[in-house]
Amino acid sequence: MVILSHLEEKQQAIHWYLKFLQELGLWNRLRQINKYETQVYTGCALRDLSEKLQATLTFRKIEVEHSELLDTLIKEAVESNCDGYSSPPGLTHIDKFYKQVSMSHILFQRLCIYSEEISSTNRSAIDICLFLCNVNRILVKVLGAVLDYRRQNIEFFPIEKQKQLKISWILCENNEGICSVVLS
């Protein structure tokens, strides 16, 4: 429960920050940064961060329902990316994952890769289908929440800049996105 309230507080803080930028007219002054191996408008990077926070929040909300699968994959995601993220000693892999909200795309990737691995095992067709249905429910629920968030907060994210740079964490095909693993 504590982790969920911390994530909701982070989401509220980002909302206030975005509102601050908009109300003071700072959106138009934002520049580009290096991300996704290219130059990205800062507003798009902020959108990506807020969407990843929404994805992480949704993962937390459904974790109880899919705890065995998500706990295993969260542990793998954290262990495979421990070099890129620092955290205080004594935190569990669950704590580390939810502390670093920008790791949500890694959990998406792990879900897709693990689905492929399960599909090529000697399990029965029914077991494989049940597993794939569970993963699909997770992906649809989380991506649906992200898209709802995007629709609800459209006033914060300058569409004209987004159209120029058709890059986001959902569309990015390298390790920072989920497009290539979702489509494979």
C-alpha atoms as a PDB file:
ATOM      1  CA  MET A   1       0.000   0.000   0.000  1.00  0.00           C
ATOM      2  CA  VAL A   2       2.899   2.341   0.777  1.00  0.00           C
ATOM      3  CA  ILE A   3       4.418   1.843  -2.675  1.00  0.00           C
ATOM      4  CA  LEU A   4       1.100   2.623  -4.363  1.00  0.00           C
ATOM      5  CA  SER A   5       0.673   5.854  -2.398  1.00  0.00           C
ATOM      6  CA  HIS A   6       4.283   6.875  -3.229  1.00  0.00           C
ATOM      7  CA  LEU A   7       3.612   6.300  -6.936  1.00  0.00           C
ATOM      8  CA  GLU A   8       0.399   8.320  -6.753  1.00  0.00           C
ATOM      9  CA  GLU A   9       2.316  11.135  -5.021  1.00  0.00           C
ATOM     10  CA  LYS A  10       4.946  11.061  -7.785  1.00  0.00           C
ATOM     11  CA  GLN A  11       2.187  11.247 -10.381  1.00  0.00           C
ATOM     12  CA  GLN A  12       0.651  14.251  -8.611  1.00  0.00           C
ATOM     13  CA  ALA A  13       4.077  15.953  -8.413  1.00  0.00           C
ATOM     14  CA  ILE A  14       4.641  15.476 -12.157  1.00  0.00           C
ATOM     15  CA  HIS A  15       1.152  16.818 -12.834  1.00  0.00           C
ATOM     16  CA  TRP A  16       1.912  19.940 -10.788  1.00  0.00           C
ATOM     17  CA  TYR A  17       5.267  20.352 -12.548  1.00  0.00           C
ATOM     18  CA  LEU A  18       3.662  20.108 -15.986  1.00  0.00           C
ATOM     19  CA  LYS A  19       0.965  22.559 -14.934  1.00  0.00           C
ATOM     20  CA  PHE A  20       3.665  24.928 -13.650  1.00  0.00           C
ATOM     21  CA  LEU A  21       5.511  24.795 -16.986  1.00  0.00           C
ATOM     22  CA  GLN A  22       2.310  25.432 -18.892  1.00  0.00           C
ATOM     23  CA  GLU A  23       0.981  28.257 -16.699  1.00  0.00           C
ATOM     24  CA  LEU A  24       4.261  30.167 -16.814  1.00  0.00           C
ATOM     25  CA  GLY A  25       4.536  29.759 -20.567  1.00  0.00           C
ATOM     26  CA  LEU A  26       7.704  27.707 -20.335  1.00  0.00           C
ATOM     27  CA  TRP A  27       6.510  24.984 -22.746  1.00  0.00           C
ATOM     28  CA  ASN A  28       7.547  27.133 -25.696  1.00  0.00           C
ATOM     29  CA  ARG A  29      11.036  27.575 -24.264  1.00  0.00           C
ATOM     30  CA  LEU A  30      11.746  23.885 -23.825  1.00  0.00           C
ATOM     31  CA  ARG A  31      14.480  22.595 -26.093  1.00  0.00           C
ATOM     32  CA  GLN A  32      15.594  19.199 -27.307  1.00  0.00           C
ATOM     33  CA  ILE A  33      17.572  16.575 -25.439  1.00  0.00           C
ATOM     34  CA  ASN A  34      19.401  13.421 -26.509  1.00  0.00           C
ATOM     35  CA  LYS A  35      17.132  10.415 -26.061  1.00  0.00           C
ATOM     36  CA  TYR A  36      16.317   7.321 -28.107  1.00  0.00           C
ATOM     37  CA  GLU A  37      19.574   7.870 -29.995  1.00  0.00           C
ATOM     38  CA  THR A  38      18.284  11.155 -31.449  1.00  0.00           C
ATOM     39  CA  GLN A  39      17.226  14.661 -30.501  1.00  0.00           C
ATOM     40  CA  VAL A  40      13.855  14.667 -28.719  1.00  0.00           C
ATOM     41  CA  TYR A  41      11.738  17.630 -27.684  1.00  0.00           C
ATOM     42  CA  THR A  42      11.866  17.966 -23.877  1.00  0.00           C
ATOM     43  CA  GLY A  43       8.061  17.972 -23.698  1.00  0.00           C
ATOM     44  CA  CYS A  44       8.032  14.549 -25.338  1.00  0.00           C
ATOM     45  CA  ALA A  45      10.585  13.279 -22.817  1.00  0.00           C
ATOM     46  CA  LEU A  46       8.413  14.588 -19.993  1.00  0.00           C
ATOM     47  CA  ARG A  47       5.390  12.896 -21.562  1.00  0.00           C
ATOM     48  CA  ASP A  48       7.321   9.620 -21.745  1.00  0.00           C
ATOM     49  CA  LEU A  49       8.308   9.879 -18.088  1.00  0.00           C
ATOM     50  CA  SER A  50       4.744  10.625 -16.979  1.00  0.00           C
ATOM     51  CA  GLU A  51       3.401   7.760 -19.124  1.00  0.00           C
ATOM     52  CA  LYS A  52       5.988   5.353 -17.706  1.00  0.00           C
ATOM     53  CA  LEU A  53       4.897   6.443 -14.247  1.00  0.00           C
ATOM     54  CA  GLN A  54       1.301   5.646 -15.212  1.00  0.00           C
ATOM     55  CA  ALA A  55       2.414   2.238 -16.513  1.00  0.00           C
ATOM     56  CA  THR A  56       4.319   1.552 -13.293  1.00  0.00           C
ATOM     57  CA  LEU A  57       1.319   2.629 -11.217  1.00  0.00           C
ATOM     58  CA  THR A  58      -0.913   0.269 -13.186  1.00  0.00           C
ATOM     59  CA  PHE A  59       1.572  -2.599 -12.825  1.00  0.00           C
ATOM     60  CA  ARG A  60       1.436  -2.033  -9.066  1.00  0.00           C
ATOM     61  CA  LYS A  61      -2.367  -2.039  -9.035  1.00  0.00           C
ATOM     62  CA  ILE A  62      -2.564  -5.377 -10.870  1.00  0.00           C
ATOM     63  CA  GLU A  63       0.446  -6.969  -9.192  1.00  0.00           C
ATOM     64  CA  VAL A  64      -1.668  -8.824  -6.626  1.00  0.00           C
ATOM     65  CA  GLU A  65      -3.716 -10.429  -9.385  1.00  0.00           C
ATOM     66  CA  HIS A  66      -0.595 -11.553 -11.295  1.00  0.00           C
ATOM     67  CA  SER A  67       1.926 -11.610  -8.450  1.00  0.00           C
ATOM     68  CA  GLU A  68       3.783 -14.809  -9.308  1.00  0.00           C
ATOM     69  CA  LEU A  69       4.491 -13.799 -12.896  1.00  0.00           C
ATOM     70  CA  LEU A  70       5.149 -10.098 -12.270  1.00  0.00           C
ATOM     71  CA  ASP A  71       7.377 -10.685  -9.228  1.00  0.00           C
ATOM     72  CA  THR A  72       9.579 -13.047 -11.222  1.00  0.00           C
ATOM     73  CA  LEU A  73       9.847 -10.708 -14.191  1.00  0.00           C
ATOM     74  CA  ILE A  74      10.361  -7.608 -12.038  1.00  0.00           C
ATOM     75  CA  LYS A  75      13.265  -9.378 -10.344  1.00  0.00           C
ATOM     76  CA  GLU A  76      14.769 -10.234 -13.759  1.00  0.00           C
ATOM     77  CA  ALA A  77      14.238  -6.674 -15.010  1.00  0.00           C
ATOM     78  CA  VAL A  78      15.942  -5.159 -11.981  1.00  0.00           C
ATOM     79  CA  GLU A  79      18.830  -7.636 -12.007  1.00  0.00           C
ATOM     80  CA  SER A  80      19.486  -7.185 -15.720  1.00  0.00           C
ATOM     81  CA  ASN A  81      19.545  -3.402 -15.368  1.00  0.00           C
ATOM     82  CA  CYS A  82      21.136  -2.905 -11.961  1.00  0.00           C
ATOM     83  CA  ASP A  83      24.150  -1.171 -13.533  1.00  0.00           C
ATOM     84  CA  GLY A  84      22.017   1.649 -14.934  1.00  0.00           C
ATOM     85  CA  TYR A  85      20.091   2.377 -11.742  1.00  0.00           C
ATOM     86  CA  SER A  86      21.273   3.119  -8.247  1.00  0.00           C
ATOM     87  CA  SER A  87      19.300   2.506  -5.093  1.00  0.00           C
ATOM     88  CA  PRO A  88      19.934   2.469  -1.376  1.00  0.00           C
ATOM     89  CA  PRO A  89      21.056  -0.861   0.119  1.00  0.00           C
ATOM     90  CA  GLY A  90      18.438  -3.097   1.685  1.00  0.00           C
ATOM     91  CA  LEU A  91      15.697  -2.593  -0.887  1.00  0.00           C
ATOM     92  CA  THR A  92      14.008  -5.614  -2.424  1.00  0.00           C
ATOM     93  CA  HIS A  93      13.771  -6.006  -6.193  1.00  0.00           C
ATOM     94  CA  ILE A  94      10.123  -4.907  -5.946  1.00  0.00           C
ATOM     95  CA  ASP A  95      11.126  -1.731  -4.068  1.00  0.00           C
ATOM     96  CA  LYS A  96      13.857  -0.971  -6.604  1.00  0.00           C
ATOM     97  CA  PHE A  97      11.525  -1.419  -9.564  1.00  0.00           C
ATOM     98  CA  TYR A  98       8.821   0.847  -8.179  1.00  0.00           C
ATOM     99  CA  LYS A  99      11.383   3.399  -7.002  1.00  0.00           C
ATOM    100  CA  GLN A 100      12.766   3.745 -10.548  1.00  0.00           C
ATOM    101  CA  VAL A 101       9.565   4.321 -12.540  1.00  0.00           C
ATOM    102  CA  SER A 102      11.424   4.688 -15.819  1.00  0.00           C
ATOM    103  CA  MET A 103      11.991   0.893 -15.818  1.00  0.00           C
ATOM    104  CA  SER A 104       8.411   0.031 -16.811  1.00  0.00           C
ATOM    105  CA  HIS A 105       9.379  -0.520 -20.451  1.00  0.00           C
ATOM    106  CA  ILE A 106      11.862  -3.174 -19.297  1.00  0.00           C
ATOM    107  CA  LEU A 107       9.040  -5.093 -17.620  1.00  0.00           C
ATOM    108  CA  PHE A 108       7.044  -4.857 -20.873  1.00  0.00           C
ATOM    109  CA  GLN A 109      10.029  -6.270 -22.733  1.00  0.00           C
ATOM    110  CA  ARG A 110      10.452  -9.088 -20.209  1.00  0.00           C
ATOM    111  CA  LEU A 111       6.745  -9.979 -20.481  1.00  0.00           C
ATOM    112  CA  CYS A 112       7.007 -10.282 -24.270  1.00  0.00           C
ATOM    113  CA  ILE A 113      10.292 -12.209 -24.218  1.00  0.00           C
ATOM    114  CA  TYR A 114       9.047 -14.568 -21.518  1.00  0.00           C
ATOM    115  CA  SER A 115       5.884 -15.191 -23.563  1.00  0.00           C
ATOM    116  CA  GLU A 116       8.021 -16.250 -26.516  1.00  0.00           C
ATOM    117  CA  GLU A 117      10.087 -18.515 -24.265  1.00  0.00           C
ATOM    118  CA  ILE A 118       6.979 -20.169 -22.805  1.00  0.00           C
ATOM    119  CA  SER A 119       5.526 -20.623 -26.297  1.00  0.00           C
ATOM    120  CA  SER A 120       8.525 -22.662 -27.379  1.00  0.00           C
ATOM    121  CA  THR A 121       8.458 -25.042 -24.402  1.00  0.00           C
ATOM    122  CA  ASN A 122       6.952 -28.522 -24.239  1.00  0.00           C
ATOM    123  CA  ARG A 123       3.977 -27.351 -22.209  1.00  0.00           C
ATOM    124  CA  SER A 124       0.513 -28.268 -23.347  1.00  0.00           C
ATOM    125  CA  ALA A 125      -1.231 -25.995 -25.804  1.00  0.00           C
ATOM    126  CA  ILE A 126      -3.836 -25.159 -23.153  1.00  0.00           C
ATOM    127  CA  ASP A 127      -1.169 -24.098 -20.631  1.00  0.00           C
ATOM    128  CA  ILE A 128       0.549 -21.947 -23.232  1.00  0.00           C
ATOM    129  CA  CYS A 129      -2.747 -20.326 -24.258  1.00  0.00           C
ATOM    130  CA  LEU A 130      -3.686 -19.611 -20.632  1.00  0.00           C
ATOM    131  CA  PHE A 131      -0.284 -18.062 -20.006  1.00  0.00           C
ATOM    132  CA  LEU A 132      -0.466 -15.930 -23.169  1.00  0.00           C
ATOM    133  CA  CYS A 133      -3.986 -14.789 -22.259  1.00  0.00           C
ATOM    134  CA  ASN A 134      -2.729 -13.651 -18.829  1.00  0.00           C
ATOM    135  CA  VAL A 135       0.162 -11.742 -20.382  1.00  0.00           C
ATOM    136  CA  ASN A 136      -2.194 -10.222 -22.930  1.00  0.00           C
ATOM    137  CA  ARG A 137      -4.546  -9.067 -20.135  1.00  0.00           C
ATOM    138  CA  ILE A 138      -1.614  -7.412 -18.375  1.00  0.00           C
ATOM    139  CA  LEU A 139      -0.366  -5.678 -21.525  1.00  0.00           C
ATOM    140  CA  VAL A 140      -3.837  -4.480 -22.528  1.00  0.00           C
ATOM    141  CA  LYS A 141      -4.620  -3.207 -19.031  1.00  0.00           C
ATOM    142  CA  VAL A 142      -1.337  -1.315 -18.681  1.00  0.00           C
ATOM    143  CA  LEU A 143      -1.251   0.105 -22.215  1.00  0.00           C
ATOM    144  CA  GLY A 144      -4.947   1.012 -21.907  1.00  0.00           C
ATOM    145  CA  ALA A 145      -4.204   2.941 -18.708  1.00  0.00           C
ATOM    146  CA  VAL A 146      -1.309   4.741 -20.421  1.00  0.00           C
ATOM    147  CA  LEU A 147      -3.468   5.699 -23.411  1.00  0.00           C
ATOM    148  CA  ASP A 148      -6.264   6.892 -21.087  1.00  0.00           C
ATOM    149  CA  TYR A 149      -3.682   8.980 -19.231  1.00  0.00           C
ATOM    150  CA  ARG A 150      -2.470  10.414 -22.539  1.00  0.00           C
ATOM    151  CA  ARG A 151      -6.029  11.368 -23.549  1.00  0.00           C
ATOM    152  CA  GLN A 152      -6.810  12.905 -20.148  1.00  0.00           C
ATOM    153  CA  ASN A 153      -3.638  15.018 -20.143  1.00  0.00           C
ATOM    154  CA  ILE A 154      -3.496  16.096 -23.761  1.00  0.00           C
ATOM    155  CA  GLU A 155      -3.294  19.774 -22.739  1.00  0.00           C
ATOM    156  CA  PHE A 156       0.188  19.230 -21.293  1.00  0.00           C
ATOM    157  CA  PHE A 157       1.798  17.658 -24.309  1.00  0.00           C
ATOM    158  CA  PRO A 158       2.300  19.837 -27.392  1.00  0.00           C
ATOM    159  CA  ILE A 159       0.950  17.742 -30.254  1.00  0.00           C
ATOM    160  CA  GLU A 160       2.681  19.716 -33.010  1.00  0.00           C
ATOM    161  CA  LYS A 161       6.091  18.865 -31.549  1.00  0.00           C
ATOM    162  CA  GLN A 162       5.111  15.213 -31.079  1.00  0.00           C
ATOM    163  CA  LYS A 163       4.087  14.889 -34.712  1.00  0.00           C
ATOM    164  CA  GLN A 164       7.489  16.185 -35.809  1.00  0.00           C
ATOM    165  CA  LEU A 165       9.334  13.599 -33.718  1.00  0.00           C
ATOM    166  CA  LYS A 166       7.351  10.373 -33.990  1.00  0.00           C
ATOM    167  CA  ILE A 167       9.270   8.865 -31.098  1.00  0.00           C
ATOM    168  CA  SER A 168       8.014   7.704 -27.743  1.00  0.00           C
ATOM    169  CA  TRP A 169       8.859   4.911 -25.352  1.00  0.00           C
ATOM    170  CA  ILE A 170       5.997   2.901 -26.852  1.00  0.00           C
ATOM    171  CA  LEU A 171       7.181   3.337 -30.458  1.00  0.00           C
ATOM    172  CA  CYS A 172      10.933   3.191 -29.859  1.00  0.00           C
ATOM    173  CA  GLU A 173      12.475  -0.017 -31.191  1.00  0.00           C
ATOM    174  CA  ASN A 174      15.727  -0.052 -29.219  1.00  0.00           C
ATOM    175  CA  ASN A 175      16.217  -1.022 -25.559  1.00  0.00           C
ATOM    176  CA  GLU A 176      14.423   2.115 -24.389  1.00  0.00           C
ATOM    177  CA  GLY A 177      11.101   1.150 -25.957  1.00  0.00           C
ATOM    178  CA  ILE A 178       8.681  -1.712 -26.406  1.00  0.00           C
ATOM    179  CA  CYS A 179       7.727  -1.607 -30.094  1.00  0.00           C
ATOM    180  CA  SER A 180      10.060  -4.306 -31.402  1.00  0.00           C
ATOM    181  CA  VAL A 181       9.204  -6.842 -28.684  1.00  0.00           C
ATOM    182  CA  VAL A 182       5.459  -6.235 -28.881  1.00  0.00           C
ATOM    183  CA  LEU A 183       5.432  -6.633 -32.655  1.00  0.00           C
ATOM    184  CA  SER A 184       7.660  -9.723 -32.740  1.00  0.00           C
END
